[in-house]
Amino acid sequence: MEKFELESGHCQSGCRDCSHCGTDFTELNSSKLHEECGVFGIYSYDRDIAVAPCVYHGLVALQHRGQESCGIAVSDMGKFSHHKDMGLVSEVFDKQKLDELCGQIAIGHVRYSTAGGSVVENCQPLVMRYVKGTLGLAHNGNLTNAYELRSELEQRGAIFQTTIDSEVIAYTVARERLKCHAVESAVKAAMQKLHGAYSLLVMSPRKLIAARDPKGFRPLCMGRIDNNIIFASESCALDAVGAKFMRDVDPGEIITCDENGVHSDRSLCTKDIAHCVFEYIYFARTDSVIDGVSVYESRRQAGRQLAKQKPVKADIVIGVPESGIDAAIGYAEESGIPYAKGIVKNSYIGRTFIKPDQSQRTNAVRLKLNALKSIVSGRRVVMLDDSIVRGTTMHRIVSMLREAGASEVHVRISSPAFRNPCFYGVDIPSKDDLIANQHTVEEIAELIEADSLDFLDLDSISKLTCGLKLPLCTACFDGRYPDGMTSHHMNKDDEVL
C-alpha cells in the first residue's frame, strides 16, 4: 500500500525536510508549529443570502488555520458545484467564481500541510458521488486509526483519489449511508468507527451536518444570520460574516440542518473530553472564543503566570508576533515592566517561499520578522513566544535582537516544553527532533544564546482556561494521551499505524 498523509500534511515519502523529494520550504517553517485546517458552512433557510460569498468571507477569517489551499462546495436543490485550488482564499476565488457557486447549502475549507500532499487533489471540501447521490465533506483534525480504516476499505474495493485521511472519513460515511435511512445516521455510525480528532461538515443534497469528535479535540461553533445557520472552526469567522454566536458544538454532538429545522443528536456525547491546549496557546485567532474561553485572555494569563514563575530584571517586554504578543502583554501587566513593540512581522510572507541558494536559507527569519532597533537597543529585553520546537528559529530571533543592540535577551515561552509528538493534528515532530528531549533548559538557553530561558510550568496550564474547568489535552507536554495512544504508535515515517 502507498503511504498516505494525515490532514496535518506529512510528506508522502515520510520525510520532514523533504531533502530527497525536492519540496522546498524553509527551516523557519520546519522549526515552528503549523496551524490546523479550518471549516465553514452555511444552511440558508431564507434563501435570500448568497451562500458562496458568505463562506468566502468566513474562510478569509480562518486563513490563519491554513494557507496552502482552499475550496468551497455548494448544493443547489441537490445539484452540486465546487471550486478548489492551491493558494490563499483571495487568490483562489474571485467574483466570477463565487457567482458561479449558487445554492442554499455551502461548505468551505482552508488547509495546511507540510509537504508531499501539496497537490490540488488533496484540497477540500471533498465531493464524491456514490450510489445514494453526492456527498461533500470538510474536515479539520487527524484520525489515529486512518491506516486501518483505509486498509479495510481498499480490501473491499475502494479506490482512493487523495492521500488524506479526510477521504477515509468520506468513504466511511458513504458506506454507512448504504445501510442507514438518513445521512445523519450514517455520520453517527461512521463516528463510532473513527478514532482521533475531527470536526466535520458533511453536505448532502438537502442537508448540512456538523459533527465534533467525542473528545472535542478540534473546535467547532454554531451561529446564526437571521434564519440562516452557520458553522465555523472559530467564532472570529462568525464575526466576519455578521453572524450571532449561538454556542459551541459539543464534543460528540451531531447537528443536522434540513428543511424541517435544526436537530441535535447528543447520544455520542460523553464527559471524557480533551480539548487541544494549543488552540489557546497558538492556533486560534486572538479574537476567538473557544468552548467559553477567550483566546486572548488565555494567552494573557500565560504571560502573567510566567512573570510570577520566574521574574527577571529587565527594561522592556516584547512578544514574537502574533501569539507571543498577547502573552507579552500579560507578562508586562504582572511584572510591571513596560510592554513595547520590539519585533515587526511582514504579514505578506507566506508559509513557503523561494530560497535561491543555501546562503539565503539562514536569513529566512529576517524576511518574516525584524527587530525595532530604536526600541531594543541598549535595553534588557524579555521576549515572549509560544513555543520552541527545534530551537533553530528562536536562535535566529535572539541573534537578531542582539544585532539590533539589545544588551540582554531573556526568553519566556508561554507553553511547557514539547516532549512528545501529537497524533491529533498538531504538526509536532518525533521525540528525537524536539530540543527539549535532547537538552536541559539551561543548555537550550545557551544554544539559542539567550541570557535566560523559562517555559510555562505544566501546573499552570489549568489557569489558561480563565476559571473554567475545561478538560485539556496536554499529551505533547506530558505524554498522557487521552485515548491511550503512545509514541510507539508512530513508525519512523510518522505514519499512524
Protein backbone atom coordinates (compact mmCIF):
# COMPACT_ATOMS: atom_id res chain seq x y z
CA MET A 1 0.00 0.00 0.00
CA GLU A 2 1.22 3.51 -0.77
CA LYS A 3 1.95 5.78 2.15
CA PHE A 4 -0.63 8.45 2.76
CA GLU A 5 -0.69 11.59 4.81
CA LEU A 6 -2.78 12.79 7.69
CA GLU A 7 -4.67 16.06 7.39
CA SER A 8 -1.86 17.95 9.12
CA GLY A 9 0.04 17.03 5.97
CA HIS A 10 3.14 14.90 6.33
CA CYS A 11 5.16 14.19 3.21
CA GLN A 12 4.10 11.05 1.37
CA SER A 13 7.68 9.85 1.42
CA GLY A 14 7.77 10.22 5.18
CA CYS A 15 10.44 12.91 5.27
CA ARG A 16 10.37 16.07 7.35
CA ASP A 17 12.74 18.33 5.46
CA CYS A 18 11.91 16.81 2.03
CA SER A 19 15.57 16.91 1.02
CA HIS A 20 15.13 13.87 -1.20
CA CYS A 21 11.67 14.56 -2.63
CA GLY A 22 12.53 18.07 -3.78
CA THR A 23 9.94 20.02 -1.84
CA ASP A 24 11.25 23.47 -0.97
CA PHE A 25 10.33 25.11 2.30
CA THR A 26 12.27 26.93 4.94
CA GLU A 27 13.93 25.92 8.15
CA LEU A 28 11.86 28.68 9.65
CA ASN A 29 8.71 26.74 8.80
CA SER A 30 10.08 23.38 9.92
CA SER A 31 11.12 24.67 13.31
CA LYS A 32 7.76 26.25 14.10
CA LEU A 33 4.38 24.69 14.70
CA HIS A 34 1.78 24.87 12.00
CA GLU A 35 -1.89 25.79 12.06
CA GLU A 36 -4.76 23.40 11.81
CA CYS A 37 -7.24 23.41 8.97
CA GLY A 38 -10.41 25.47 9.13
CA VAL A 39 -14.02 24.69 8.14
CA PHE A 40 -17.01 26.93 7.50
CA GLY A 41 -20.55 26.10 6.41
CA ILE A 42 -23.98 27.64 5.97
CA TYR A 43 -27.54 26.35 5.58
CA SER A 44 -29.83 29.04 4.21
CA TYR A 45 -33.45 28.90 5.31
CA ASP A 46 -34.24 32.38 3.99
CA ARG A 47 -32.94 31.60 0.50
CA ASP A 48 -32.12 35.30 0.17
CA ILE A 49 -28.44 35.07 1.10
CA ALA A 50 -25.60 34.35 -1.31
CA VAL A 51 -24.02 31.36 0.41
CA ALA A 52 -20.73 31.19 -1.50
CA PRO A 53 -19.66 34.80 -0.73
CA CYS A 54 -20.62 34.18 2.91
CA VAL A 55 -18.36 31.12 3.03
CA TYR A 56 -15.63 33.09 1.24
CA HIS A 57 -15.58 35.76 3.95
CA GLY A 58 -15.68 33.11 6.65
CA LEU A 59 -12.68 31.35 5.13
CA VAL A 60 -10.75 34.63 4.90
CA ALA A 61 -11.26 34.99 8.66
CA LEU A 62 -9.96 31.43 9.11
CA GLN A 63 -6.99 31.91 6.77
CA HIS A 64 -4.56 31.64 9.70
CA ARG A 65 -5.56 27.99 10.08
CA GLY A 66 -4.47 27.03 6.59
CA GLN A 67 -2.62 28.93 3.89
CA GLU A 68 -1.88 26.20 1.39
CA SER A 69 -5.19 25.52 -0.33
CA CYS A 70 -8.90 26.21 -0.04
CA GLY A 71 -12.23 25.36 -1.56
CA ILE A 72 -16.00 25.86 -1.49
CA ALA A 73 -18.74 23.39 -2.41
CA VAL A 74 -22.45 24.24 -2.73
CA SER A 75 -25.71 22.37 -3.18
CA ASP A 76 -28.45 24.00 -5.25
CA MET A 77 -31.57 21.92 -4.62
CA GLY A 78 -29.40 18.82 -4.78
CA LYS A 79 -27.17 19.89 -7.68
CA PHE A 80 -23.54 20.14 -6.51
CA SER A 81 -20.89 22.52 -7.76
CA HIS A 82 -17.50 23.30 -6.27
CA HIS A 83 -14.20 25.04 -6.81
CA LYS A 84 -10.90 24.49 -5.01
CA ASP A 85 -7.25 25.11 -5.70
CA MET A 86 -3.85 25.78 -4.19
CA GLY A 87 -3.33 29.21 -2.67
CA LEU A 88 -4.92 31.72 -0.33
CA VAL A 89 -8.66 32.30 -0.35
CA SER A 90 -8.26 35.67 -2.09
CA GLU A 91 -6.08 34.04 -4.77
CA VAL A 92 -8.33 31.05 -5.49
CA PHE A 93 -11.65 32.92 -5.65
CA ASP A 94 -12.85 35.99 -7.48
CA LYS A 95 -16.34 37.41 -8.02
CA GLN A 96 -16.91 35.38 -11.17
CA LYS A 97 -16.10 32.07 -9.48
CA LEU A 98 -18.26 32.93 -6.47
CA ASP A 99 -21.17 33.93 -8.71
CA GLU A 100 -20.99 30.50 -10.33
CA LEU A 101 -21.44 28.77 -6.97
CA CYS A 102 -25.16 29.21 -6.40
CA GLY A 103 -27.20 27.25 -3.90
CA GLN A 104 -28.80 27.05 -0.47
CA ILE A 105 -26.14 25.00 1.33
CA ALA A 106 -22.37 25.54 1.22
CA ILE A 107 -19.25 24.30 2.98
CA GLY A 108 -15.70 25.61 2.76
CA HIS A 109 -12.23 24.64 3.88
CA VAL A 110 -8.76 26.13 4.30
CA ARG A 111 -5.91 23.67 4.54
CA TYR A 112 -2.38 23.44 5.82
CA SER A 113 0.12 20.66 5.09
CA THR A 114 3.89 20.47 5.35
CA ALA A 115 4.77 18.70 2.10
CA GLY A 116 4.03 15.71 -0.10
CA GLY A 117 0.32 16.40 -0.05
CA SER A 118 0.68 19.88 -1.51
CA VAL A 119 -1.36 18.98 -4.57
CA VAL A 120 -4.77 20.07 -5.75
CA GLU A 121 -6.15 16.55 -5.38
CA ASN A 122 -5.88 16.92 -1.61
CA CYS A 123 -7.75 20.22 -1.48
CA GLN A 124 -11.05 20.24 0.35
CA PRO A 125 -14.02 20.11 0.51
CA LEU A 126 -14.09 16.59 -0.90
CA VAL A 127 -17.02 15.96 -3.22
CA MET A 128 -17.81 12.35 -4.02
CA ARG A 129 -20.56 10.66 -5.98
CA TYR A 130 -21.83 7.27 -4.85
CA VAL A 131 -24.90 5.09 -5.23
CA LYS A 132 -27.01 7.25 -2.89
CA GLY A 133 -26.11 10.50 -4.62
CA THR A 134 -23.46 13.12 -3.84
CA LEU A 135 -21.65 13.92 -0.63
CA GLY A 136 -19.45 16.88 0.32
CA LEU A 137 -17.11 16.84 3.31
CA ALA A 138 -14.77 19.30 5.05
CA HIS A 139 -12.59 18.03 7.88
CA ASN A 140 -10.28 19.51 10.49
CA GLY A 141 -8.20 17.07 12.53
CA ASN A 142 -6.35 13.76 12.30
CA LEU A 143 -7.60 10.21 12.65
CA THR A 144 -5.43 7.87 14.70
CA ASN A 145 -6.87 4.75 13.06
CA ALA A 146 -6.83 6.06 9.49
CA TYR A 147 -4.37 3.41 8.32
CA GLU A 148 -6.56 0.53 9.49
CA LEU A 149 -9.73 2.06 8.07
CA ARG A 150 -8.11 2.78 4.73
CA SER A 151 -6.68 -0.75 4.51
CA GLU A 152 -10.10 -2.22 5.21
CA LEU A 153 -11.79 -0.01 2.62
CA GLU A 154 -9.19 -0.81 -0.02
CA GLN A 155 -9.58 -4.52 0.62
CA ARG A 156 -13.28 -4.06 -0.15
CA GLY A 157 -12.54 -2.34 -3.44
CA ALA A 158 -12.36 1.34 -2.56
CA ILE A 159 -10.13 3.36 -4.88
CA PHE A 160 -8.76 6.47 -3.17
CA GLN A 161 -8.16 9.65 -5.13
CA THR A 162 -6.24 11.52 -2.41
CA THR A 163 -3.63 10.83 0.26
CA ILE A 164 -5.52 12.43 3.16
CA ASP A 165 -7.43 10.77 5.97
CA SER A 166 -10.41 13.03 5.24
CA GLU A 167 -11.20 10.78 2.29
CA VAL A 168 -11.23 7.82 4.67
CA ILE A 169 -13.98 9.62 6.61
CA ALA A 170 -15.92 10.36 3.41
CA TYR A 171 -15.74 6.73 2.31
CA THR A 172 -16.77 5.52 5.75
CA VAL A 173 -19.79 7.83 5.80
CA ALA A 174 -20.74 6.79 2.27
CA ARG A 175 -20.56 3.08 3.10
CA GLU A 176 -22.63 3.56 6.24
CA ARG A 177 -25.18 5.52 4.23
CA LEU A 178 -25.95 2.37 2.26
CA LYS A 179 -27.23 0.83 5.50
CA CYS A 180 -28.90 3.91 7.01
CA HIS A 181 -32.13 5.72 6.24
CA ALA A 182 -30.58 9.18 6.54
CA VAL A 183 -27.17 10.78 6.05
CA GLU A 184 -27.02 11.98 9.67
CA SER A 185 -27.46 8.38 10.80
CA ALA A 186 -24.57 7.42 8.51
CA VAL A 187 -22.41 10.13 10.08
CA LYS A 188 -23.27 8.79 13.52
CA ALA A 189 -22.43 5.21 12.52
CA ALA A 190 -19.16 6.37 10.96
CA MET A 191 -18.19 8.33 14.08
CA GLN A 192 -18.32 5.12 16.08
CA LYS A 193 -15.56 3.76 13.84
CA LEU A 194 -13.41 6.90 13.74
CA HIS A 195 -10.72 7.46 16.37
CA GLY A 196 -8.86 10.70 16.88
CA ALA A 197 -9.64 14.32 16.13
CA TYR A 198 -12.29 15.50 13.71
CA SER A 199 -14.57 18.47 13.34
CA LEU A 200 -16.71 17.73 10.31
CA LEU A 201 -19.09 19.46 7.96
CA VAL A 202 -20.97 16.98 5.77
CA MET A 203 -23.22 18.22 2.98
CA SER A 204 -25.78 16.01 1.29
CA PRO A 205 -28.06 17.33 -1.47
CA ARG A 206 -30.52 18.83 1.04
CA LYS A 207 -28.87 18.65 4.45
CA LEU A 208 -25.91 20.12 6.30
CA ILE A 209 -24.48 18.07 9.17
CA ALA A 210 -21.93 19.35 11.67
CA ALA A 211 -20.16 16.87 13.94
CA ARG A 212 -17.37 17.02 16.51
CA ASP A 213 -15.37 14.08 17.83
CA PRO A 214 -16.37 12.88 21.34
CA LYS A 215 -13.13 14.19 22.88
CA GLY A 216 -13.62 17.64 21.37
CA PHE A 217 -10.00 17.96 20.26
CA ARG A 218 -10.74 20.44 17.48
CA PRO A 219 -13.07 23.44 17.86
CA LEU A 220 -16.39 23.93 16.11
CA CYS A 221 -19.07 26.54 16.83
CA MET A 222 -22.52 27.49 15.62
CA GLY A 223 -24.02 30.86 14.75
CA ARG A 224 -26.95 32.49 13.01
CA ILE A 225 -27.62 35.21 10.44
CA ASP A 226 -31.36 35.83 10.66
CA ASN A 227 -32.75 32.34 9.96
CA ASN A 228 -29.57 31.03 8.36
CA ILE A 229 -27.37 28.63 10.35
CA ILE A 230 -23.59 28.95 10.28
CA PHE A 231 -20.87 26.56 11.46
CA ALA A 232 -17.22 27.56 11.80
CA SER A 233 -13.97 26.38 13.32
CA GLU A 234 -13.69 29.63 15.29
CA SER A 235 -16.02 32.37 16.46
CA CYS A 236 -13.94 35.03 14.68
CA ALA A 237 -15.33 33.68 11.40
CA LEU A 238 -18.88 34.22 12.66
CA ASP A 239 -17.99 37.81 13.48
CA ALA A 240 -16.55 38.28 10.00
CA VAL A 241 -19.88 37.48 8.30
CA GLY A 242 -22.06 39.28 10.83
CA ALA A 243 -23.40 36.11 12.41
CA LYS A 244 -24.53 35.93 16.01
CA PHE A 245 -22.69 33.33 18.06
CA MET A 246 -25.11 30.73 19.39
CA ARG A 247 -22.91 28.12 21.05
CA ASP A 248 -20.10 25.64 20.57
CA VAL A 249 -20.91 22.28 19.08
CA ASP A 250 -20.47 19.88 21.99
CA PRO A 251 -17.93 17.06 21.76
CA GLY A 252 -19.67 14.05 20.25
CA GLU A 253 -22.66 16.10 19.10
CA ILE A 254 -24.19 15.80 15.63
CA ILE A 255 -26.27 18.77 14.43
CA THR A 256 -28.40 18.39 11.31
CA CYS A 257 -29.91 21.28 9.36
CA ASP A 258 -32.66 20.37 6.91
CA GLU A 259 -35.97 21.72 5.65
CA ASN A 260 -37.62 20.75 8.93
CA GLY A 261 -35.25 22.78 11.09
CA VAL A 262 -32.19 22.17 13.24
CA HIS A 263 -31.83 18.88 15.09
CA SER A 264 -29.24 17.79 17.65
CA ASP A 265 -28.16 14.23 18.41
CA ARG A 266 -26.15 14.03 21.63
CA SER A 267 -26.13 10.26 22.04
CA LEU A 268 -22.37 10.06 21.42
CA CYS A 269 -21.54 12.82 23.89
CA THR A 270 -19.52 11.82 26.95
CA LYS A 271 -17.79 13.57 29.83
CA ASP A 272 -14.42 12.24 28.68
CA ILE A 273 -13.32 15.46 26.97
CA ALA A 274 -9.84 16.64 25.98
CA HIS A 275 -9.72 19.97 24.13
CA CYS A 276 -6.41 20.76 22.42
CA VAL A 277 -4.50 23.16 24.65
CA PHE A 278 -2.64 24.60 21.68
CA GLU A 279 -5.77 26.17 20.27
CA TYR A 280 -5.42 28.62 23.16
CA ILE A 281 -1.64 28.89 23.11
CA TYR A 282 -1.09 29.32 19.39
CA PHE A 283 -3.51 28.05 16.74
CA ALA A 284 -6.69 30.08 17.20
CA ARG A 285 -7.01 33.73 16.31
CA THR A 286 -6.71 36.14 19.21
CA ASP A 287 -10.29 37.41 18.95
CA SER A 288 -11.88 33.95 19.02
CA VAL A 289 -13.71 32.41 21.96
CA ILE A 290 -13.42 28.61 22.06
CA ASP A 291 -15.55 26.48 24.38
CA GLY A 292 -16.27 29.52 26.51
CA VAL A 293 -12.67 30.67 26.88
CA SER A 294 -11.30 33.85 25.31
CA VAL A 295 -8.14 33.04 23.37
CA TYR A 296 -6.72 36.48 24.14
CA GLU A 297 -7.36 36.16 27.88
CA SER A 298 -5.88 32.67 27.88
CA ARG A 299 -2.61 33.87 26.32
CA ARG A 300 -2.54 36.92 28.54
CA GLN A 301 -2.92 34.64 31.55
CA ALA A 302 0.00 32.52 30.33
CA GLY A 303 2.17 35.64 30.34
CA ARG A 304 1.03 36.53 33.85
CA GLN A 305 1.92 33.06 35.08
CA LEU A 306 5.38 33.29 33.53
CA ALA A 307 6.01 36.62 35.25
CA LYS A 308 5.11 35.05 38.59
CA GLN A 309 7.01 31.86 37.91
CA LYS A 310 10.45 33.26 37.08
CA PRO A 311 10.77 37.05 37.31
CA VAL A 312 13.73 38.84 35.80
CA LYS A 313 15.05 42.39 35.90
CA ALA A 314 14.54 43.99 32.50
CA ASP A 315 13.68 47.26 30.78
CA ILE A 316 11.00 46.14 28.30
CA VAL A 317 8.80 43.18 27.45
CA ILE A 318 8.24 42.27 23.80
CA GLY A 319 6.37 39.48 22.01
CA VAL A 320 7.04 37.49 18.85
CA PRO A 321 4.05 38.12 16.55
CA GLU A 322 1.33 37.07 16.74
CA SER A 323 0.52 34.85 19.71
CA GLY A 324 3.61 35.93 21.68
CA ILE A 325 2.27 39.49 21.81
CA ASP A 326 -0.75 38.55 23.94
CA ALA A 327 1.44 36.66 26.39
CA ALA A 328 3.88 39.59 26.48
CA ILE A 329 1.06 41.96 27.47
CA GLY A 330 0.17 39.67 30.36
CA TYR A 331 3.79 39.40 31.42
CA ALA A 332 4.17 43.17 31.37
CA GLU A 333 0.99 43.70 33.40
CA GLU A 334 2.06 41.24 36.08
CA SER A 335 5.73 42.23 36.25
CA GLY A 336 5.31 45.99 35.93
CA ILE A 337 7.92 46.04 33.16
CA PRO A 338 6.70 48.18 30.22
CA TYR A 339 5.45 46.42 27.12
CA ALA A 340 6.87 47.58 23.79
CA LYS A 341 6.60 46.52 20.17
CA GLY A 342 10.10 45.23 19.61
CA ILE A 343 9.54 42.94 16.62
CA VAL A 344 7.74 43.72 13.38
CA LYS A 345 6.20 40.96 11.25
CA ASN A 346 5.96 41.03 7.47
CA SER A 347 2.41 39.77 7.01
CA TYR A 348 2.85 39.25 3.28
CA ILE A 349 5.31 36.38 3.55
CA GLY A 350 3.52 33.07 3.14
CA ARG A 351 4.39 29.75 4.67
CA THR A 352 6.67 28.83 1.81
CA PHE A 353 8.85 30.98 -0.40
CA ILE A 354 11.73 30.51 -2.79
CA LYS A 355 15.27 30.29 -1.43
CA PRO A 356 17.67 30.67 -4.37
CA ASP A 357 20.64 29.26 -2.50
CA GLN A 358 21.75 27.90 0.84
CA SER A 359 23.22 31.22 1.99
CA GLN A 360 19.77 32.80 1.94
CA ARG A 361 18.30 29.95 3.98
CA THR A 362 19.91 31.33 7.13
CA ASN A 363 18.27 34.70 6.54
CA ALA A 364 14.76 33.29 6.18
CA VAL A 365 13.63 34.56 9.55
CA ARG A 366 14.56 38.13 8.57
CA LEU A 367 12.11 38.04 5.68
CA LYS A 368 9.33 37.48 8.16
CA LEU A 369 10.48 39.24 11.32
CA ASN A 370 12.62 42.29 12.03
CA ALA A 371 13.69 43.97 15.26
CA LEU A 372 12.93 47.60 16.01
CA LYS A 373 16.36 48.94 16.85
CA SER A 374 15.03 52.13 18.42
CA ILE A 375 13.09 50.02 20.94
CA VAL A 376 15.54 47.25 21.87
CA SER A 377 18.92 48.96 21.51
CA GLY A 378 20.74 49.26 24.83
CA ARG A 379 17.91 47.60 26.77
CA ARG A 380 17.39 44.42 28.73
CA VAL A 381 14.63 42.60 26.87
CA VAL A 382 12.17 39.93 27.98
CA MET A 383 10.86 38.23 24.85
CA LEU A 384 7.70 36.09 24.87
CA ASP A 385 6.95 33.39 22.30
CA ASP A 386 4.52 30.49 22.20
CA SER A 387 6.90 27.54 21.76
CA ILE A 388 10.31 26.15 20.96
CA VAL A 389 10.34 23.07 18.74
CA ARG A 390 13.85 22.54 17.40
CA GLY A 391 15.30 25.86 18.52
CA THR A 392 16.50 26.98 15.10
CA THR A 393 14.13 29.91 14.72
CA MET A 394 14.49 31.02 18.33
CA HIS A 395 18.26 31.20 17.98
CA ARG A 396 17.89 33.45 14.95
CA ILE A 397 15.40 35.73 16.67
CA VAL A 398 17.67 36.11 19.70
CA SER A 399 20.61 36.85 17.41
CA MET A 400 18.50 39.41 15.55
CA LEU A 401 17.71 41.21 18.81
CA ARG A 402 21.35 41.24 19.85
CA GLU A 403 22.39 42.64 16.48
CA ALA A 404 19.75 45.34 16.99
CA GLY A 405 21.56 46.34 20.18
CA ALA A 406 19.72 44.50 22.98
CA SER A 407 22.02 44.30 25.99
CA GLU A 408 20.25 41.23 27.41
CA VAL A 409 17.66 38.84 25.97
CA HIS A 410 15.56 36.77 28.36
CA VAL A 411 13.26 34.28 26.60
CA ARG A 412 9.96 33.19 28.12
CA ILE A 413 7.80 30.53 26.44
CA SER A 414 4.03 30.57 27.03
CA SER A 415 3.78 26.77 26.91
CA PRO A 416 5.58 23.91 28.65
CA ALA A 417 8.43 22.23 26.78
CA PHE A 418 7.42 19.91 23.94
CA ARG A 419 8.46 16.35 24.66
CA ASN A 420 6.04 14.18 22.67
CA PRO A 421 4.56 14.01 19.15
CA CYS A 422 0.88 14.76 18.56
CA PHE A 423 -1.50 12.33 16.85
CA TYR A 424 -4.45 14.71 16.62
CA GLY A 425 -3.43 17.32 14.08
CA VAL A 426 -0.63 19.39 15.61
CA ASP A 427 2.49 19.15 13.46
CA ILE A 428 4.91 18.23 16.27
CA PRO A 429 7.94 16.18 15.13
CA SER A 430 9.12 12.93 16.63
CA LYS A 431 10.70 12.91 20.09
CA ASP A 432 14.20 12.87 18.64
CA ASP A 433 13.57 16.15 16.81
CA LEU A 434 12.37 18.03 19.90
CA ILE A 435 15.11 20.08 21.51
CA ALA A 436 13.64 19.71 25.00
CA ASN A 437 14.30 15.95 24.83
CA GLN A 438 17.94 16.48 24.00
CA HIS A 439 18.93 19.32 26.33
CA THR A 440 18.13 20.86 29.70
CA VAL A 441 16.55 24.30 29.91
CA GLU A 442 19.94 25.78 30.76
CA GLU A 443 21.55 24.06 27.78
CA ILE A 444 18.80 25.28 25.43
CA ALA A 445 19.32 28.83 26.71
CA GLU A 446 22.99 28.50 25.87
CA LEU A 447 22.26 27.05 22.43
CA ILE A 448 19.90 29.87 21.48
CA GLU A 449 22.31 32.37 23.09
CA ALA A 450 19.74 33.79 25.49
CA ASP A 451 20.66 35.21 28.88
CA SER A 452 17.91 33.11 30.43
CA LEU A 453 15.07 30.84 29.34
CA ASP A 454 11.95 29.58 31.05
CA PHE A 455 8.92 27.57 29.92
CA LEU A 456 5.46 27.78 31.37
CA ASP A 457 5.05 25.27 34.20
CA LEU A 458 2.80 22.33 33.39
CA ASP A 459 0.88 23.05 36.60
CA SER A 460 -0.05 26.46 35.20
CA ILE A 461 -1.91 25.02 32.19
CA SER A 462 -5.16 24.79 34.14
CA LYS A 463 -5.05 28.55 34.71
CA LEU A 464 -5.23 29.23 30.97
CA THR A 465 -8.96 28.47 30.94
CA CYS A 466 -9.65 31.61 32.96
CA GLY A 467 -11.56 29.96 35.80
CA LEU A 468 -13.48 27.43 33.71
CA LYS A 469 -12.82 23.77 34.48
CA LEU A 470 -12.11 22.87 30.88
CA PRO A 471 -10.50 19.45 30.27
CA LEU A 472 -7.42 19.90 28.09
CA CYS A 473 -5.20 17.54 26.12
CA THR A 474 -1.59 18.16 27.22
CA ALA A 475 -0.07 14.99 25.75
CA CYS A 476 2.55 16.92 23.77
CA PHE A 477 3.91 18.11 27.11
CA ASP A 478 3.37 15.19 29.49
CA GLY A 479 2.80 12.17 27.23
CA ARG A 480 -0.65 11.44 28.68
CA TYR A 481 -2.64 10.76 25.54
CA PRO A 482 -6.41 10.92 26.15
CA ASP A 483 -7.19 7.76 24.17
CA GLY A 484 -4.28 5.60 25.28
CA MET A 485 -2.02 6.31 22.32
CA THR A 486 1.72 6.16 22.91
CA SER A 487 4.73 7.30 20.91
CA HIS A 488 5.16 3.66 19.83
CA HIS A 489 2.05 4.05 17.64
CA MET A 490 4.18 6.08 15.24
CA ASN A 491 6.71 4.42 12.97
CA LYS A 492 9.87 6.05 11.68
CA ASP A 493 7.97 7.72 8.84
CA ASP A 494 5.42 9.35 11.17
CA GLU A 495 2.70 7.21 9.66
CA VAL A 496 -0.11 6.26 12.00
CA LEU A 497 -0.33 2.51 12.43
